[in-house]
PDB file of N, CA and C in Angstrom:
ATOM      1  N   MET A   1       0.818  -1.400   0.096  1.00  0.00           N
ATOM      2  CA  MET A   1       0.166   0.128   0.136  1.00  0.00           C
ATOM      3  C   MET A   1       0.905   1.333   0.071  1.00  0.00           C
ATOM      4  N   SER A   2       0.677   2.059  -1.141  1.00  0.00           N
ATOM      5  CA  SER A   2       1.354   3.362  -1.104  1.00  0.00           C
ATOM      6  C   SER A   2       0.745   4.497  -0.412  1.00  0.00           C
ATOM      7  N   LEU A   3       1.375   5.289   0.520  1.00  0.00           N
ATOM      8  CA  LEU A   3       0.857   6.391   1.010  1.00  0.00           C
ATOM      9  C   LEU A   3       0.721   7.508  -0.023  1.00  0.00           C
ATOM     10  N   GLY A   4       1.692   7.728  -1.249  1.00  0.00           N
ATOM     11  CA  GLY A   4       1.510   8.570  -2.106  1.00  0.00           C
ATOM     12  C   GLY A   4       2.551   9.512  -1.750  1.00  0.00           C
ATOM     13  N   SER A   5       3.039  10.478  -2.657  1.00  0.00           N
ATOM     14  CA  SER A   5       4.046  11.377  -2.304  1.00  0.00           C
ATOM     15  C   SER A   5       3.560  12.782  -2.111  1.00  0.00           C
ATOM     16  N   PRO A   6       3.851  13.721  -1.403  1.00  0.00           N
ATOM     17  CA  PRO A   6       3.589  14.718  -1.210  1.00  0.00           C
ATOM     18  C   PRO A   6       3.397  15.559  -2.554  1.00  0.00           C
ATOM     19  N   ASP A   7       4.065  15.262  -3.707  1.00  0.00           N
ATOM     20  CA  ASP A   7       3.798  15.847  -4.845  1.00  0.00           C
ATOM     21  C   ASP A   7       2.624  15.404  -5.710  1.00  0.00           C
ATOM     22  N   ASP A   8       1.959  14.562  -5.276  1.00  0.00           N
ATOM     23  CA  ASP A   8       0.565  13.995  -5.940  1.00  0.00           C
ATOM     24  C   ASP A   8      -0.422  14.639  -5.553  1.00  0.00           C
ATOM     25  N   ALA A   9      -0.327  15.387  -4.282  1.00  0.00           N
ATOM     26  CA  ALA A   9      -1.681  16.221  -3.792  1.00  0.00           C
ATOM     27  C   ALA A   9      -1.668  17.532  -4.571  1.00  0.00           C
ATOM     28  N   PRO A  10      -2.879  18.018  -4.957  1.00  0.00           N
ATOM     29  CA  PRO A  10      -3.299  18.967  -5.555  1.00  0.00           C
ATOM     30  C   PRO A  10      -2.736  20.583  -5.256  1.00  0.00           C
ATOM     31  N   THR A  11      -2.445  21.180  -5.915  1.00  0.00           N
ATOM     32  CA  THR A  11      -1.800  22.500  -5.296  1.00  0.00           C
ATOM     33  C   THR A  11      -3.004  23.345  -5.094  1.00  0.00           C
ATOM     34  N   PRO A  12      -3.180  24.367  -4.143  1.00  0.00           N
ATOM     35  CA  PRO A  12      -4.123  25.036  -3.791  1.00  0.00           C
ATOM     36  C   PRO A  12      -4.691  26.010  -5.026  1.00  0.00           C
ATOM     37  N   THR A  13      -3.738  26.250  -5.681  1.00  0.00           N
ATOM     38  CA  THR A  13      -4.261  27.330  -6.978  1.00  0.00           C
ATOM     39  C   THR A  13      -4.909  26.561  -8.027  1.00  0.00           C
ATOM     40  N   GLU A  14      -4.783  25.300  -8.083  1.00  0.00           N
ATOM     41  CA  GLU A  14      -5.627  24.435  -9.367  1.00  0.00           C
ATOM     42  C   GLU A  14      -6.995  24.732  -9.074  1.00  0.00           C
ATOM     43  N   PRO A  15      -7.802  24.634 -10.254  1.00  0.00           N
ATOM     44  CA  PRO A  15      -9.265  24.590 -10.444  1.00  0.00           C
ATOM     45  C   PRO A  15      -9.753  23.721  -9.710  1.00  0.00           C
ATOM     46  N   THR A  16     -11.074  23.760  -9.150  1.00  0.00           N
ATOM     47  CA  THR A  16     -11.700  22.694  -8.411  1.00  0.00           C
ATOM     48  C   THR A  16     -12.604  21.952  -9.028  1.00  0.00           C
ATOM     49  N   GLY A  17     -12.674  22.081 -10.437  1.00  0.00           N
ATOM     50  CA  GLY A  17     -13.581  21.230 -11.196  1.00  0.00           C
ATOM     51  C   GLY A  17     -14.852  22.146 -11.788  1.00  0.00           C
ATOM     52  N   VAL A  18     -15.062  23.119 -11.256  1.00  0.00           N
ATOM     53  CA  VAL A  18     -16.144  23.994 -11.739  1.00  0.00           C
ATOM     54  C   VAL A  18     -15.741  24.813 -13.072  1.00  0.00           C
ATOM     55  N   PRO A  19     -16.340  24.286 -14.313  1.00  0.00           N
ATOM     56  CA  PRO A  19     -15.689  25.003 -15.560  1.00  0.00           C
ATOM     57  C   PRO A  19     -16.260  26.532 -15.474  1.00  0.00           C
ATOM     58  N   HIS A  20     -15.193  26.972 -16.434  1.00  0.00           N
ATOM     59  CA  HIS A  20     -15.993  28.640 -16.497  1.00  0.00           C
ATOM     60  C   HIS A  20     -16.936  28.490 -17.544  1.00  0.00           C
ATOM     61  N   ALA A  21     -17.851  29.339 -17.402  1.00  0.00           N
ATOM     62  CA  ALA A  21     -18.914  29.603 -18.179  1.00  0.00           C
ATOM     63  C   ALA A  21     -19.568  30.940 -18.387  1.00  0.00           C
ATOM     64  N   ASP A  22     -20.058  31.292 -19.661  1.00  0.00           N
ATOM     65  CA  ASP A  22     -20.730  32.469 -19.842  1.00  0.00           C
ATOM     66  C   ASP A  22     -21.833  32.621 -19.273  1.00  0.00           C
ATOM     67  N   ARG A  23     -22.051  33.249 -18.340  1.00  0.00           N
ATOM     68  CA  ARG A  23     -23.346  33.604 -17.511  1.00  0.00           C
ATOM     69  C   ARG A  23     -24.702  34.057 -18.129  1.00  0.00           C
ATOM     70  N   ARG A  24     -24.426  34.839 -19.053  1.00  0.00           N
ATOM     71  CA  ARG A  24     -25.660  35.194 -19.875  1.00  0.00           C
ATOM     72  C   ARG A  24     -26.176  34.091 -20.396  1.00  0.00           C
ATOM     73  N   ARG A  25     -25.534  33.239 -21.138  1.00  0.00           N
ATOM     74  CA  ARG A  25     -26.040  31.933 -21.869  1.00  0.00           C
ATOM     75  C   ARG A  25     -26.495  30.825 -20.829  1.00  0.00           C
ATOM     76  N   ILE A  26     -26.003  30.726 -19.677  1.00  0.00           N
ATOM     77  CA  ILE A  26     -26.612  30.063 -18.793  1.00  0.00           C
ATOM     78  C   ILE A  26     -27.847  30.479 -17.770  1.00  0.00           C
ATOM     79  N   ALA A  27     -28.105  31.942 -17.984  1.00  0.00           N
ATOM     80  CA  ALA A  27     -28.918  32.447 -17.469  1.00  0.00           C
ATOM     81  C   ALA A  27     -30.267  32.165 -18.618  1.00  0.00           C
ATOM     82  N   LEU A  28     -29.857  32.429 -19.806  1.00  0.00           N
ATOM     83  CA  LEU A  28     -30.813  32.299 -20.807  1.00  0.00           C
ATOM     84  C   LEU A  28     -31.348  30.489 -20.647  1.00  0.00           C
ATOM     85  N   ALA A  29     -30.395  29.857 -20.402  1.00  0.00           N
ATOM     86  CA  ALA A  29     -30.815  28.224 -20.376  1.00  0.00           C
ATOM     87  C   ALA A  29     -31.588  27.999 -19.405  1.00  0.00           C
ATOM     88  N   CYS A  30     -31.625  28.720 -18.200  1.00  0.00           N
ATOM     89  CA  CYS A  30     -32.381  28.778 -17.056  1.00  0.00           C
ATOM     90  C   CYS A  30     -33.933  29.273 -17.478  1.00  0.00           C
ATOM     91  N   VAL A  31     -33.758  30.176 -18.051  1.00  0.00           N
ATOM     92  CA  VAL A  31     -35.238  30.745 -18.567  1.00  0.00           C
ATOM     93  C   VAL A  31     -35.878  29.775 -19.612  1.00  0.00           C
ATOM     94  N   CYS A  32     -35.088  29.077 -20.100  1.00  0.00           N
ATOM     95  CA  CYS A  32     -35.913  28.299 -21.089  1.00  0.00           C
ATOM     96  C   CYS A  32     -36.254  26.959 -20.460  1.00  0.00           C
ATOM     97  N   LEU A  33     -35.668  26.561 -19.197  1.00  0.00           N
ATOM     98  CA  LEU A  33     -36.025  25.442 -18.501  1.00  0.00           C
ATOM     99  C   LEU A  33     -37.152  25.902 -17.624  1.00  0.00           C
ATOM    100  N   ALA A  34     -37.311  27.249 -17.227  1.00  0.00           N
ATOM    101  CA  ALA A  34     -38.278  27.764 -16.480  1.00  0.00           C
ATOM    102  C   ALA A  34     -39.757  27.832 -17.009  1.00  0.00           C
ATOM    103  N   ILE A  35     -39.642  28.268 -18.399  1.00  0.00           N
ATOM    104  CA  ILE A  35     -40.769  28.625 -19.131  1.00  0.00           C
ATOM    105  C   ILE A  35     -42.099  27.568 -19.125  1.00  0.00           C
ATOM    106  N   PRO A  36     -41.706  26.226 -19.326  1.00  0.00           N
ATOM    107  CA  PRO A  36     -42.618  25.065 -19.230  1.00  0.00           C
ATOM    108  C   PRO A  36     -43.216  24.974 -17.666  1.00  0.00           C
ATOM    109  N   VAL A  37     -42.198  25.117 -16.909  1.00  0.00           N
ATOM    110  CA  VAL A  37     -42.491  25.005 -15.483  1.00  0.00           C
ATOM    111  C   VAL A  37     -43.609  26.010 -15.078  1.00  0.00           C
ATOM    112  N   VAL A  38     -43.664  27.389 -15.400  1.00  0.00           N
ATOM    113  CA  VAL A  38     -44.368  28.385 -15.250  1.00  0.00           C
ATOM    114  C   VAL A  38     -45.785  28.148 -15.964  1.00  0.00           C
ATOM    115  N   ALA A  39     -45.621  27.870 -17.193  1.00  0.00           N
ATOM    116  CA  ALA A  39     -46.619  27.551 -18.078  1.00  0.00           C
ATOM    117  C   ALA A  39     -47.669  26.491 -17.525  1.00  0.00           C
ATOM    118  N   LEU A  40     -47.062  25.584 -16.949  1.00  0.00           N
ATOM    119  CA  LEU A  40     -47.876  24.369 -16.577  1.00  0.00           C
ATOM    120  C   LEU A  40     -48.201  24.459 -15.251  1.00  0.00           C
ATOM    121  N   LEU A  41     -47.778  25.245 -14.404  1.00  0.00           N
ATOM    122  CA  LEU A  41     -48.414  25.404 -13.081  1.00  0.00           C
ATOM    123  C   LEU A  41     -49.321  26.420 -13.036  1.00  0.00           C
ATOM    124  N   TRP A  42     -49.309  27.217 -14.103  1.00  0.00           N
ATOM    125  CA  TRP A  42     -50.507  28.449 -14.194  1.00  0.00           C
ATOM    126  C   TRP A  42     -51.657  27.709 -14.816  1.00  0.00           C
ATOM    127  N   VAL A  43     -52.515  26.963 -13.971  1.00  0.00           N
ATOM    128  CA  VAL A  43     -53.517  26.368 -14.442  1.00  0.00           C
ATOM    129  C   VAL A  43     -54.599  27.053 -14.715  1.00  0.00           C
ATOM    130  N   PRO A  44     -54.997  28.000 -14.223  1.00  0.00           N
ATOM    131  CA  PRO A  44     -56.238  28.741 -14.642  1.00  0.00           C
ATOM    132  C   PRO A  44     -56.102  29.319 -16.188  1.00  0.00           C
ATOM    133  N   SER A  45     -54.951  29.385 -16.749  1.00  0.00           N
ATOM    134  CA  SER A  45     -54.791  29.922 -17.811  1.00  0.00           C
ATOM    135  C   SER A  45     -55.118  28.890 -19.063  1.00  0.00           C
ATOM    136  N   TYR A  46     -55.291  27.312 -18.712  1.00  0.00           N
ATOM    137  CA  TYR A  46     -55.776  26.691 -19.630  1.00  0.00           C
ATOM    138  C   TYR A  46     -56.760  25.621 -19.076  1.00  0.00           C
ATOM    139  N   ALA A  47     -57.522  25.996 -17.920  1.00  0.00           N
ATOM    140  CA  ALA A  47     -58.414  25.214 -17.303  1.00  0.00           C
ATOM    141  C   ALA A  47     -59.949  25.363 -18.184  1.00  0.00           C
ATOM    142  N   ARG A  48     -59.725  24.880 -19.411  1.00  0.00           N
ATOM    143  CA  ARG A  48     -61.132  25.341 -19.937  1.00  0.00           C
ATOM    144  C   ARG A  48     -61.087  24.255 -21.128  1.00  0.00           C
ATOM    145  N   GLU A  49     -62.743  24.420 -21.566  1.00  0.00           N
ATOM    146  CA  GLU A  49     -62.743  23.005 -22.745  1.00  0.00           C
ATOM    147  C   GLU A  49     -62.643  23.755 -24.125  1.00  0.00           C
ATOM    148  N   ASP A  50     -62.870  24.954 -24.401  1.00  0.00           N
ATOM    149  CA  ASP A  50     -62.708  25.527 -25.814  1.00  0.00           C
ATOM    150  C   ASP A  50     -61.311  26.026 -25.942  1.00  0.00           C
ATOM    151  N   PRO A  51     -60.755  26.322 -27.002  1.00  0.00           N
ATOM    152  CA  PRO A  51     -61.130  25.392 -28.517  1.00  0.00           C
ATOM    153  C   PRO A  51     -60.686  24.022 -28.109  1.00  0.00           C
ATOM    154  N   SER A  52     -61.448  23.142 -28.839  1.00  0.00           N
ATOM    155  CA  SER A  52     -61.240  21.666 -28.759  1.00  0.00           C
ATOM    156  C   SER A  52     -60.793  21.542 -30.012  1.00  0.00           C
ATOM    157  N   ILE A  53     -59.802  20.318 -30.240  1.00  0.00           N
ATOM    158  CA  ILE A  53     -59.261  19.946 -31.278  1.00  0.00           C
ATOM    159  C   ILE A  53     -59.764  18.398 -31.514  1.00  0.00           C
ATOM    160  N   GLY A  54     -60.608  18.128 -32.669  1.00  0.00           N
ATOM    161  CA  GLY A  54     -60.938  16.584 -33.012  1.00  0.00           C
ATOM    162  C   GLY A  54     -61.800  16.013 -31.818  1.00  0.00           C
ATOM    163  N   GLY A  55     -62.511  17.090 -30.892  1.00  0.00           N
ATOM    164  CA  GLY A  55     -63.149  16.695 -29.610  1.00  0.00           C
ATOM    165  C   GLY A  55     -62.572  16.369 -28.529  1.00  0.00           C
ATOM    166  N   VAL A  56     -61.072  16.918 -28.432  1.00  0.00           N
ATOM    167  CA  VAL A  56     -60.215  16.683 -27.429  1.00  0.00           C
ATOM    168  C   VAL A  56     -60.118  18.247 -26.865  1.00  0.00           C
ATOM    169  N   PRO A  57     -60.910  18.240 -25.453  1.00  0.00           N
ATOM    170  CA  PRO A  57     -60.829  19.493 -24.879  1.00  0.00           C
ATOM    171  C   PRO A  57     -59.492  20.274 -24.667  1.00  0.00           C
ATOM    172  N   PHE A  58     -59.602  21.610 -24.713  1.00  0.00           N
ATOM    173  CA  PHE A  58     -58.319  22.462 -24.729  1.00  0.00           C
ATOM    174  C   PHE A  58     -57.335  22.305 -23.562  1.00  0.00           C
ATOM    175  N   PHE A  59     -58.113  21.800 -22.383  1.00  0.00           N
ATOM    176  CA  PHE A  59     -57.330  21.428 -21.147  1.00  0.00           C
ATOM    177  C   PHE A  59     -56.078  20.230 -21.435  1.00  0.00           C
ATOM    178  N   PHE A  60     -56.437  19.326 -22.153  1.00  0.00           N
ATOM    179  CA  PHE A  60     -55.826  18.100 -22.394  1.00  0.00           C
ATOM    180  C   PHE A  60     -54.694  18.160 -23.624  1.00  0.00           C
ATOM    181  N   TRP A  61     -55.198  19.021 -24.748  1.00  0.00           N
ATOM    182  CA  TRP A  61     -54.436  19.086 -25.590  1.00  0.00           C
ATOM    183  C   TRP A  61     -53.300  20.277 -25.806  1.00  0.00           C
ATOM    184  N   TYR A  62     -53.556  21.213 -24.739  1.00  0.00           N
ATOM    185  CA  TYR A  62     -52.553  22.038 -24.260  1.00  0.00           C
ATOM    186  C   TYR A  62     -51.362  21.532 -23.594  1.00  0.00           C
ATOM    187  N   GLN A  63     -51.808  20.642 -22.451  1.00  0.00           N
ATOM    188  CA  GLN A  63     -50.725  19.756 -21.872  1.00  0.00           C
ATOM    189  C   GLN A  63     -49.823  18.784 -22.643  1.00  0.00           C
ATOM    190  N   PHE A  64     -50.560  18.333 -23.698  1.00  0.00           N
ATOM    191  CA  PHE A  64     -50.070  17.417 -24.657  1.00  0.00           C
ATOM    192  C   PHE A  64     -48.991  18.170 -25.470  1.00  0.00           C
ATOM    193  N   LEU A  65     -49.399  19.443 -25.952  1.00  0.00           N
ATOM    194  CA  LEU A  65     -48.532  20.191 -26.744  1.00  0.00           C
ATOM    195  C   LEU A  65     -47.195  20.562 -26.054  1.00  0.00           C
ATOM    196  N   TRP A  66     -47.364  20.927 -24.659  1.00  0.00           N
ATOM    197  CA  TRP A  66     -46.215  21.154 -23.840  1.00  0.00           C
ATOM    198  C   TRP A  66     -45.142  20.188 -23.719  1.00  0.00           C
ATOM    199  N   VAL A  67     -45.561  18.821 -24.180  1.00  0.00           N
ATOM    200  CA  VAL A  67     -44.467  17.607 -24.004  1.00  0.00           C
ATOM    201  C   VAL A  67     -43.662  18.106 -25.012  1.00  0.00           C
ATOM    202  N   PHE A  68     -43.997  18.291 -26.209  1.00  0.00           N
ATOM    203  CA  PHE A  68     -43.015  18.764 -27.437  1.00  0.00           C
ATOM    204  C   PHE A  68     -42.002  20.016 -27.250  1.00  0.00           C
ATOM    205  N   LEU A  69     -43.150  21.154 -26.712  1.00  0.00           N
ATOM    206  CA  LEU A  69     -42.393  22.280 -26.544  1.00  0.00           C
ATOM    207  C   LEU A  69     -41.325  22.144 -25.369  1.00  0.00           C
ATOM    208  N   CYS A  70     -41.600  21.372 -24.518  1.00  0.00           N
ATOM    209  CA  CYS A  70     -40.522  21.358 -23.285  1.00  0.00           C
ATOM    210  C   CYS A  70     -39.278  20.585 -23.746  1.00  0.00           C
ATOM    211  N   SER A  71     -39.657  19.608 -24.771  1.00  0.00           N
ATOM    212  CA  SER A  71     -38.632  18.747 -25.367  1.00  0.00           C
ATOM    213  C   SER A  71     -37.585  19.769 -25.890  1.00  0.00           C
ATOM    214  N   GLY A  72     -38.175  20.583 -26.802  1.00  0.00           N
ATOM    215  CA  GLY A  72     -37.460  21.605 -27.568  1.00  0.00           C
ATOM    216  C   GLY A  72     -36.808  22.806 -26.674  1.00  0.00           C
ATOM    217  N   LEU A  73     -37.570  23.213 -25.691  1.00  0.00           N
ATOM    218  CA  LEU A  73     -36.850  24.124 -24.616  1.00  0.00           C
ATOM    219  C   LEU A  73     -35.517  23.472 -23.824  1.00  0.00           C
ATOM    220  N   THR A  74     -35.821  22.003 -23.670  1.00  0.00           N
ATOM    221  CA  THR A  74     -34.810  21.357 -22.908  1.00  0.00           C
ATOM    222  C   THR A  74     -33.529  21.253 -23.803  1.00  0.00           C
ATOM    223  N   TRP A  75     -33.762  20.925 -24.921  1.00  0.00           N
ATOM    224  CA  TRP A  75     -32.748  20.855 -26.276  1.00  0.00           C
ATOM    225  C   TRP A  75     -31.844  22.168 -26.060  1.00  0.00           C
ATOM    226  N   THR A  76     -32.697  23.118 -26.323  1.00  0.00           N
ATOM    227  CA  THR A  76     -32.144  24.728 -26.442  1.00  0.00           C
ATOM    228  C   THR A  76     -31.373  24.996 -25.170  1.00  0.00           C
ATOM    229  N   ALA A  77     -31.753  24.646 -24.124  1.00  0.00           N
ATOM    230  CA  ALA A  77     -31.186  24.841 -22.859  1.00  0.00           C
ATOM    231  C   ALA A  77     -29.874  24.110 -22.794  1.00  0.00           C
ATOM    232  N   TYR A  78     -29.876  22.876 -23.239  1.00  0.00           N
ATOM    233  CA  TYR A  78     -28.603  21.855 -23.260  1.00  0.00           C
ATOM    234  C   TYR A  78     -27.537  22.610 -24.357  1.00  0.00           C
ATOM    235  N   LEU A  79     -28.062  22.984 -25.503  1.00  0.00           N
ATOM    236  CA  LEU A  79     -27.120  23.563 -26.348  1.00  0.00           C
ATOM    237  C   LEU A  79     -26.420  24.802 -25.956  1.00  0.00           C
ATOM    238  N   LEU A  80     -27.514  25.765 -25.184  1.00  0.00           N
ATOM    239  CA  LEU A  80     -26.842  26.950 -24.789  1.00  0.00           C
ATOM    240  C   LEU A  80     -25.794  26.622 -23.595  1.00  0.00           C
ATOM    241  N   THR A  81     -26.230  25.758 -22.804  1.00  0.00           N
ATOM    242  CA  THR A  81     -25.220  25.521 -21.516  1.00  0.00           C
ATOM    243  C   THR A  81     -23.876  25.012 -22.432  1.00  0.00           C
ATOM    244  N   ARG A  82     -23.891  24.037 -23.153  1.00  0.00           N
ATOM    245  CA  ARG A  82     -22.747  23.580 -23.826  1.00  0.00           C
ATOM    246  C   ARG A  82     -22.027  24.596 -24.584  1.00  0.00           C
ATOM    247  N   SER A  83     -22.530  25.488 -25.159  1.00  0.00           N
ATOM    248  CA  SER A  83     -21.832  26.689 -25.904  1.00  0.00           C
ATOM    249  C   SER A  83     -21.296  27.541 -24.826  1.00  0.00           C
ATOM    250  N   ALA A  84     -21.901  27.718 -23.794  1.00  0.00           N
ATOM    251  CA  ALA A  84     -21.438  28.515 -22.637  1.00  0.00           C
ATOM    252  C   ALA A  84     -20.141  28.048 -22.150  1.00  0.00           C
ATOM    253  N   ARG A  85     -20.263  26.794 -22.128  1.00  0.00           N
ATOM    254  CA  ARG A  85     -18.793  26.078 -21.245  1.00  0.00           C
ATOM    255  C   ARG A  85     -17.767  25.994 -22.332  1.00  0.00           C
ATOM    256  N   ARG A  86     -18.169  25.818 -23.537  1.00  0.00           N
ATOM    257  CA  ARG A  86     -17.212  25.716 -24.787  1.00  0.00           C
ATOM    258  C   ARG A  86     -16.476  27.081 -24.948  1.00  0.00           C
ATOM    259  N   GLY A  87     -17.311  28.124 -24.730  1.00  0.00           N
ATOM    260  CA  GLY A  87     -16.730  29.360 -25.013  1.00  0.00           C
ATOM    261  C   GLY A  87     -15.631  29.980 -23.921  1.00  0.00           C
ATOM    262  N   GLY A  88     -15.917  29.173 -22.736  1.00  0.00           N
ATOM    263  CA  GLY A  88     -14.946  29.682 -21.582  1.00  0.00           C
ATOM    264  C   GLY A  88     -13.446  28.944 -21.896  1.00  0.00           C
ATOM    265  N   ARG A  89     -13.537  28.012 -22.729  1.00  0.00           N
ATOM    266  CA  ARG A  89     -12.130  27.290 -22.899  1.00  0.00           C
ATOM    267  C   ARG A  89     -11.285  28.054 -24.116  1.00  0.00           C
ATOM    268  N   ARG A  90     -10.423  29.085 -23.571  1.00  0.00           N
ATOM    269  CA  ARG A  90      -9.674  29.797 -24.810  1.00  0.00           C
ATOM    270  C   ARG A  90      -8.300  29.672 -24.543  1.00  0.00           C
TER     271      ARG A  90
END
């Protein structure tokens, strides 16, 4: 069993693993993630039957529509986060 040498210990000036990121893009990614939460938690805005599509009340198709919108917004947030971190490596 080796105890390691003192040279193996990280120096106090090394970064601790948090990557540098563009804060504006990270904030925009957070907005993209917050939009579906706010839209779906605001139930009075869609708690009605009209307009219906193919006999499906608005209440149901609106929430189903958000499945796709949420996927797109999550993908956008992922791309923004990735580009924000990539921009920090110069």
